[in-house]
């Protein structure tokens, strides 16, 4: 594919302070074995993009560990491959990245040293599957300067995203970032295709004017000057923006159609492999509609839940509609419903935790109760 990829993986979110204090959103566990960034990384490589830059900023240690070997995504190569950039402090730049455009501009040498004519810019906090070749073909047919992938959403949820107004030819007319009263329910997925030379010029012009945001200072500011088109996406897509959305996306993996999309339909989603033994289900254990990670040992009853690696559940414990992350320990005679346990949480014998699907209980990493 004649494009390089840029994955913006530095995001923090005030709605996720409890869970994002020790990891960036792109490193959140999803679906029993994945990290959120795996989906965008796999979309890139499955589409034939063999040169990908991941740009990080906040709490990136877990993400850097996850990306320590590029071979899992077939990016361990001499030509192209995986590039990971993090902010660095200089006399001219005593701050971190000041916005999404600044984030790319500070690593503009990656673009200038590349030869591919197009750039795919995507976020690392979205769960979806797409072939970017189809989008690039559409981009060229429209002779577009920028193409934005969009999706029709529920009108009441549109205010949480960038909202697009398109004409009959799908050319962008207006763009509002998280409007209080959206004009349409057409939301941007934060995935863009743009000519590499055009992107370099726009970034240099923005920096000269002390502008730093990709959406406000490029998409909105240049919406009438540039030919910006929307590309419709109708498949499964989720954005992790809150504890509730993290809970929902993991619960979605318990649906057969979602599991089949990511687990069984080629091309597959790749991730860093962990060498764990198969899960062990002891004599009195029972499971119903669950995902259970390797190395887990189950002694109780688990229903409609996602358990990651090396989870232990005690005798006569009951877990329902919950997400339990790596290395967590649940004692005997416990009752958990609508709960998210981060990594290495210990729930003592006899404890009862009951949340709701609209507001699941969350216990942060290393908690002991």
Protein backbone atom coordinates (compact mmCIF):
# COMPACT_ATOMS: atom_id res chain seq x y z
CA UNK A 1 0.00 0.00 0.00
CA UNK A 2 1.34 3.44 -0.91
CA UNK A 3 0.77 4.97 2.50
CA UNK A 4 2.46 5.34 5.87
CA UNK A 5 0.50 5.08 9.09
CA UNK A 6 0.44 7.36 12.12
CA UNK A 7 -1.33 6.14 15.25
CA UNK A 8 -2.07 8.79 17.87
CA UNK A 9 -1.68 6.85 21.12
CA UNK A 10 -0.98 9.56 23.65
CA UNK A 11 -4.48 10.37 24.81
CA UNK A 12 -5.60 10.85 28.39
CA UNK A 13 -9.20 11.32 29.47
CA UNK A 14 -10.58 12.98 32.58
CA UNK A 15 -13.38 10.39 32.63
CA UNK A 16 -10.80 7.62 32.97
CA UNK A 17 -8.47 8.99 35.64
CA UNK A 18 -8.76 5.90 37.85
CA UNK A 19 -7.66 3.50 35.12
CA UNK A 20 -5.51 5.79 32.91
CA UNK A 21 -3.20 6.92 35.72
CA UNK A 22 -0.99 3.88 35.06
CA UNK A 23 -1.59 3.35 31.33
CA UNK A 24 -2.63 5.28 28.26
CA UNK A 25 -6.04 4.52 26.74
CA UNK A 26 -4.36 2.72 23.83
CA UNK A 27 -3.03 0.11 26.30
CA UNK A 28 -6.40 -0.72 27.90
CA UNK A 29 -7.19 -4.47 27.97
CA UNK A 30 -10.01 -5.54 25.63
CA UNK A 31 -11.67 -8.83 24.77
CA UNK A 32 -9.71 -11.11 27.07
CA UNK A 33 -6.37 -10.91 25.25
CA UNK A 34 -6.02 -7.64 23.32
CA UNK A 35 -4.90 -4.09 24.01
CA UNK A 36 -6.92 -1.31 22.37
CA UNK A 37 -4.10 -0.32 20.02
CA UNK A 38 -4.01 -3.85 18.55
CA UNK A 39 -7.07 -3.10 16.43
CA UNK A 40 -5.64 -0.04 14.68
CA UNK A 41 -2.20 -1.67 14.40
CA UNK A 42 -3.74 -4.75 12.78
CA UNK A 43 -5.92 -2.65 10.47
CA UNK A 44 -2.76 -0.92 9.25
CA UNK A 45 -0.73 -4.06 8.59
CA UNK A 46 -3.68 -6.07 7.25
CA UNK A 47 -4.16 -3.26 4.72
CA UNK A 48 -0.56 -3.52 3.59
CA UNK A 49 0.84 -0.52 5.48
CA UNK A 50 4.36 -1.62 6.38
CA UNK A 51 5.62 1.62 7.93
CA UNK A 52 3.76 2.74 11.06
CA UNK A 53 4.57 5.43 13.62
CA UNK A 54 2.99 5.24 17.08
CA UNK A 55 3.14 8.58 18.92
CA UNK A 56 2.68 8.44 22.68
CA UNK A 57 2.56 10.94 25.53
CA UNK A 58 0.78 10.13 28.80
CA UNK A 59 1.46 7.05 30.97
CA UNK A 60 3.04 5.16 28.09
CA UNK A 61 5.08 2.57 30.00
CA UNK A 62 2.55 -0.26 29.56
CA UNK A 63 2.11 0.64 25.89
CA UNK A 64 5.86 0.68 25.25
CA UNK A 65 6.16 -2.74 26.87
CA UNK A 66 3.36 -4.03 24.65
CA UNK A 67 5.07 -2.67 21.52
CA UNK A 68 8.55 -3.87 22.53
CA UNK A 69 8.57 -6.36 19.66
CA UNK A 70 7.08 -5.42 16.28
CA UNK A 71 7.03 -8.98 14.94
CA UNK A 72 3.50 -9.69 16.17
CA UNK A 73 2.14 -7.19 13.63
CA UNK A 74 4.65 -8.17 10.92
CA UNK A 75 6.50 -4.87 11.35
CA UNK A 76 9.87 -6.31 12.32
CA UNK A 77 11.59 -5.46 9.06
CA UNK A 78 14.59 -3.57 7.65
CA UNK A 79 12.54 -1.42 5.26
CA UNK A 80 9.73 0.38 7.02
CA UNK A 81 8.60 -1.26 10.26
CA UNK A 82 7.38 0.17 13.56
CA UNK A 83 8.49 3.55 14.91
CA UNK A 84 7.52 4.64 18.43
CA UNK A 85 7.86 8.34 19.30
CA UNK A 86 7.43 9.94 22.71
CA UNK A 87 7.81 13.63 23.67
CA UNK A 88 11.22 14.98 24.54
CA UNK A 89 12.11 18.18 26.34
CA UNK A 90 14.38 20.75 24.71
CA UNK A 91 15.19 24.41 25.35
CA UNK A 92 12.86 25.31 22.49
CA UNK A 93 10.11 22.98 23.71
CA UNK A 94 9.93 22.73 27.52
CA UNK A 95 6.45 21.17 27.30
CA UNK A 96 4.98 17.94 26.03
CA UNK A 97 2.83 17.85 22.94
CA UNK A 98 0.34 20.72 22.91
CA UNK A 99 -2.21 19.17 20.59
CA UNK A 100 -2.73 16.53 17.93
CA UNK A 101 -1.19 18.64 15.15
CA UNK A 102 1.78 19.54 17.35
CA UNK A 103 2.16 15.85 18.17
CA UNK A 104 2.65 15.04 14.48
CA UNK A 105 4.70 18.17 13.75
CA UNK A 106 7.26 17.34 16.45
CA UNK A 107 7.89 14.10 14.55
CA UNK A 108 7.69 15.61 11.06
CA UNK A 109 11.05 14.07 10.16
CA UNK A 110 9.21 10.72 9.95
CA UNK A 111 7.05 12.16 7.17
CA UNK A 112 9.93 13.90 5.38
CA UNK A 113 12.03 10.73 5.31
CA UNK A 114 9.16 8.68 3.89
CA UNK A 115 8.48 8.26 0.18
CA UNK A 116 4.86 7.07 0.23
CA UNK A 117 2.42 9.60 -1.26
CA UNK A 118 -0.32 9.18 1.38
CA UNK A 119 -0.64 9.19 5.16
CA UNK A 120 -3.27 7.38 7.24
CA UNK A 121 -3.81 9.06 10.61
CA UNK A 122 -5.78 7.07 13.17
CA UNK A 123 -6.39 6.90 16.90
CA UNK A 124 -5.20 4.07 19.13
CA UNK A 125 -8.34 4.07 21.30
CA UNK A 126 -10.88 2.65 18.85
CA UNK A 127 -12.04 -0.95 18.44
CA UNK A 128 -12.99 -1.79 14.84
CA UNK A 129 -11.91 -3.63 11.69
CA UNK A 130 -11.47 -1.97 8.29
CA UNK A 131 -9.49 -2.30 5.07
CA UNK A 132 -7.84 1.07 4.49
CA UNK A 133 -7.30 0.15 0.82
CA UNK A 134 -10.99 0.76 0.21
CA UNK A 135 -10.74 4.19 1.82
CA UNK A 136 -7.62 5.09 -0.18
CA UNK A 137 -9.33 4.06 -3.43
CA UNK A 138 -12.30 6.27 -2.51
CA UNK A 139 -9.93 9.12 -1.63
CA UNK A 140 -8.30 8.94 -5.06
CA UNK A 141 -11.58 8.64 -6.93
CA UNK A 142 -12.86 11.79 -5.24
CA UNK A 143 -9.52 13.55 -5.85
CA UNK A 144 -9.81 14.59 -2.23
CA UNK A 145 -7.27 16.51 -0.20
CA UNK A 146 -8.46 14.85 3.00
CA UNK A 147 -10.84 11.95 3.56
CA UNK A 148 -12.49 11.40 6.96
CA UNK A 149 -14.07 8.09 7.91
CA UNK A 150 -17.49 8.64 9.47
CA UNK A 151 -20.37 6.68 10.93
CA UNK A 152 -24.03 7.37 11.65
CA UNK A 153 -24.60 7.35 15.41
CA UNK A 154 -27.48 7.83 17.81
CA UNK A 155 -28.37 11.51 17.77
CA UNK A 156 -28.21 11.84 21.57
CA UNK A 157 -24.62 10.48 21.58
CA UNK A 158 -23.36 12.59 18.67
CA UNK A 159 -22.45 15.49 20.96
CA UNK A 160 -19.59 13.38 22.36
CA UNK A 161 -17.82 13.35 19.00
CA UNK A 162 -16.88 15.53 16.05
CA UNK A 163 -20.07 16.03 14.03
CA UNK A 164 -19.97 16.37 10.24
CA UNK A 165 -22.37 17.98 7.79
CA UNK A 166 -21.93 16.56 4.27
CA UNK A 167 -23.48 17.47 0.93
CA UNK A 168 -24.98 14.95 -1.51
CA UNK A 169 -21.52 14.12 -2.85
CA UNK A 170 -20.26 13.50 0.74
CA UNK A 171 -18.08 16.61 0.66
CA UNK A 172 -17.65 18.25 4.05
CA UNK A 173 -19.66 21.45 4.54
CA UNK A 174 -19.43 21.96 8.30
CA UNK A 175 -17.63 20.29 11.19
CA UNK A 176 -18.36 20.85 14.89
CA UNK A 177 -16.27 19.37 17.68
CA UNK A 178 -18.52 17.97 20.44
CA UNK A 179 -21.41 20.42 19.86
CA UNK A 180 -24.10 20.85 22.51
CA UNK A 181 -26.78 20.67 19.82
CA UNK A 182 -25.45 18.64 16.87
CA UNK A 183 -26.85 19.43 13.43
CA UNK A 184 -26.61 15.80 12.33
CA UNK A 185 -25.81 12.36 13.77
CA UNK A 186 -22.87 11.88 11.37
CA UNK A 187 -19.79 11.48 13.56
CA UNK A 188 -16.12 11.48 12.62
CA UNK A 189 -14.21 8.34 13.62
CA UNK A 190 -10.97 10.30 13.84
CA UNK A 191 -9.38 8.44 10.92
CA UNK A 192 -7.97 10.53 8.07
CA UNK A 193 -6.23 9.99 4.74
CA UNK A 194 -4.20 12.89 3.38
CA UNK A 195 -1.40 13.46 0.89
CA UNK A 196 1.94 13.36 2.67
CA UNK A 197 3.31 16.56 1.08
CA UNK A 198 0.09 18.43 1.85
CA UNK A 199 0.22 17.32 5.48
CA UNK A 200 3.81 18.52 5.83
CA UNK A 201 2.90 21.94 4.39
CA UNK A 202 -0.17 22.31 6.62
CA UNK A 203 1.78 21.37 9.75
CA UNK A 204 4.56 23.85 8.97
CA UNK A 205 2.02 26.61 8.35
CA UNK A 206 0.24 25.84 11.63
CA UNK A 207 3.44 25.83 13.64
CA UNK A 208 4.39 29.23 12.24
CA UNK A 209 1.06 30.57 13.56
CA UNK A 210 1.29 28.80 16.95
CA UNK A 211 -1.62 26.50 16.17
CA UNK A 212 -1.54 22.94 17.49
CA UNK A 213 -4.84 21.09 17.00
CA UNK A 214 -5.53 18.88 13.98
CA UNK A 215 -9.33 19.10 14.06
CA UNK A 216 -9.77 22.78 14.88
CA UNK A 217 -6.80 24.15 12.93
CA UNK A 218 -6.89 21.90 9.86
CA UNK A 219 -10.28 20.21 9.43
CA UNK A 220 -12.49 23.07 10.61
CA UNK A 221 -10.27 25.95 9.50
CA UNK A 222 -9.64 24.56 5.99
CA UNK A 223 -13.04 22.92 5.44
CA UNK A 224 -13.97 25.35 2.62
CA UNK A 225 -10.51 25.76 1.12
CA UNK A 226 -9.61 22.07 0.86
CA UNK A 227 -11.58 19.26 -0.72
CA UNK A 228 -12.53 17.22 2.34
CA UNK A 229 -14.77 14.21 1.87
CA UNK A 230 -16.40 11.69 4.18
CA UNK A 231 -16.13 7.91 3.77
CA UNK A 232 -19.03 5.93 5.30
CA UNK A 233 -18.25 3.06 7.67
CA UNK A 234 -21.05 0.69 8.67
CA UNK A 235 -19.24 -2.00 10.64
CA UNK A 236 -18.65 -2.49 14.36
CA UNK A 237 -16.90 0.47 16.00
CA UNK A 238 -16.40 1.49 19.61
CA UNK A 239 -14.42 4.33 21.17
CA UNK A 240 -13.13 3.96 24.73
CA UNK A 241 -13.92 7.25 26.44
CA UNK A 242 -15.11 6.29 29.92
CA UNK A 243 -15.31 3.43 32.42
CA UNK A 244 -18.75 2.65 31.01
CA UNK A 245 -17.47 2.41 27.42
CA UNK A 246 -14.58 0.16 28.55
CA UNK A 247 -17.15 -2.10 30.23
CA UNK A 248 -19.44 -2.06 27.17
CA UNK A 249 -16.75 -2.93 24.64
CA UNK A 250 -15.64 -5.93 26.72
CA UNK A 251 -19.24 -7.06 27.12
CA UNK A 252 -19.67 -6.80 23.33
CA UNK A 253 -17.09 -9.57 22.92
CA UNK A 254 -19.56 -11.94 24.55
CA UNK A 255 -21.81 -11.50 21.50
CA UNK A 256 -21.21 -14.15 18.85
CA UNK A 257 -21.19 -11.75 15.92
CA UNK A 258 -18.51 -9.56 17.54
CA UNK A 259 -16.36 -12.54 18.57
CA UNK A 260 -16.60 -13.98 15.07
CA UNK A 261 -15.64 -10.65 13.50
CA UNK A 262 -12.40 -10.36 15.46
CA UNK A 263 -11.57 -13.99 16.34
CA UNK A 264 -12.67 -16.00 13.32
CA UNK A 265 -12.90 -13.76 10.24
CA UNK A 266 -9.74 -13.15 8.23
CA UNK A 267 -7.79 -10.90 8.42
CA UNK A 268 -7.30 -11.40 12.16
CA UNK A 269 -6.38 -8.98 14.91
CA UNK A 270 -2.81 -9.54 16.14
CA UNK A 271 -1.47 -8.94 19.63
CA UNK A 272 1.62 -9.62 21.71
CA UNK A 273 1.59 -13.31 22.59
CA UNK A 274 1.79 -14.38 26.24
CA UNK A 275 3.04 -17.89 26.98
CA UNK A 276 0.44 -19.08 29.46
CA UNK A 277 -0.99 -22.59 29.99
CA UNK A 278 -4.65 -23.19 29.14
CA UNK A 279 -7.26 -22.08 31.65
CA UNK A 280 -8.02 -24.68 34.33
CA UNK A 281 -11.62 -25.42 35.34
CA UNK A 282 -11.69 -27.33 38.61
CA UNK A 283 -14.36 -29.85 39.60
CA UNK A 284 -16.96 -27.52 41.12
CA UNK A 285 -16.51 -24.67 38.63
CA UNK A 286 -19.07 -23.70 36.01
CA UNK A 287 -19.06 -21.10 33.20
CA UNK A 288 -21.70 -19.75 30.86
CA UNK A 289 -21.02 -17.41 27.92
CA UNK A 290 -17.57 -16.31 29.07
CA UNK A 291 -14.13 -15.50 27.70
CA UNK A 292 -11.41 -16.91 29.96
CA UNK A 293 -7.73 -16.09 29.44
CA UNK A 294 -4.80 -18.48 29.67
CA UNK A 295 -3.34 -19.31 33.06
CA UNK A 296 -6.64 -18.72 34.88
CA UNK A 297 -7.88 -21.14 37.54
CA UNK A 298 -11.61 -21.26 38.18
CA UNK A 299 -13.32 -22.87 41.17
CA UNK A 300 -16.64 -21.02 41.24
CA UNK A 301 -19.44 -19.96 38.86
CA UNK A 302 -18.84 -17.36 36.13
CA UNK A 303 -21.51 -16.08 33.76
CA UNK A 304 -21.49 -13.45 30.97
CA UNK A 305 -18.03 -12.20 31.94
CA UNK A 306 -14.60 -11.54 30.44
CA UNK A 307 -11.65 -12.88 32.42
CA UNK A 308 -8.13 -12.05 31.28
CA UNK A 309 -4.92 -13.98 32.02
CA UNK A 310 -4.00 -15.61 35.34
CA UNK A 311 -7.28 -14.88 37.12
CA UNK A 312 -8.12 -17.00 40.17
CA UNK A 313 -11.68 -17.50 41.43
CA UNK A 314 -12.33 -19.23 44.74
CA UNK A 315 -14.82 -21.94 45.70
CA UNK A 316 -18.52 -20.99 45.71
CA UNK A 317 -17.76 -17.56 44.26
CA UNK A 318 -20.28 -16.09 41.80
CA UNK A 319 -19.23 -13.66 39.03
CA UNK A 320 -21.72 -12.20 36.56
CA UNK A 321 -21.57 -9.44 33.93
CA UNK A 322 -18.06 -8.49 34.99
CA UNK A 323 -14.60 -7.77 33.56
CA UNK A 324 -11.64 -9.18 35.49
CA UNK A 325 -8.17 -8.20 34.28
CA UNK A 326 -4.79 -9.95 34.50
CA UNK A 327 -3.65 -11.48 37.76
CA UNK A 328 -6.70 -10.65 39.87
CA UNK A 329 -7.64 -12.92 42.79
CA UNK A 330 -11.23 -13.51 43.92
CA UNK A 331 -11.63 -15.42 47.16
CA UNK A 332 -14.19 -17.97 48.34
CA UNK A 333 -17.90 -17.21 48.68
CA UNK A 334 -17.66 -13.87 46.84
CA UNK A 335 -20.45 -12.31 44.78
CA UNK A 336 -19.50 -9.91 41.95
CA UNK A 337 -21.95 -8.44 39.47
CA UNK A 338 -21.41 -5.56 37.02
CA UNK A 339 -17.84 -5.02 38.24
CA UNK A 340 -14.53 -4.14 36.56
CA UNK A 341 -11.41 -5.34 38.37
CA UNK A 342 -8.19 -3.84 37.06
CA UNK A 343 -4.95 -5.83 37.17
CA UNK A 344 -3.83 -7.62 40.34
CA UNK A 345 -6.90 -6.78 42.42
CA UNK A 346 -7.53 -8.97 45.48
CA UNK A 347 -11.11 -9.58 46.65
CA UNK A 348 -11.13 -11.23 50.06
CA UNK A 349 -13.37 -14.12 51.04
CA UNK A 350 -17.06 -13.41 51.43
CA UNK A 351 -17.08 -9.95 49.80
CA UNK A 352 -20.08 -8.78 47.78
CA UNK A 353 -19.80 -6.13 45.03
CA UNK A 354 -22.89 -5.24 43.00
CA UNK A 355 -22.90 -2.45 40.46
CA UNK A 356 -25.20 -1.75 37.53
CA UNK A 357 -24.72 -1.99 33.78
CA UNK A 358 -25.06 1.78 33.53
CA UNK A 359 -22.57 2.37 36.35
CA UNK A 360 -20.31 -0.63 36.92
CA UNK A 361 -18.11 -0.70 40.02
CA UNK A 362 -14.44 -0.18 39.19
CA UNK A 363 -11.50 -1.24 41.38
CA UNK A 364 -8.16 0.20 40.34
CA UNK A 365 -4.95 -1.77 39.85
CA UNK A 366 -3.55 -3.45 42.96
CA UNK A 367 -6.59 -2.78 45.15
CA UNK A 368 -7.23 -5.09 48.09
CA UNK A 369 -10.70 -5.30 49.62
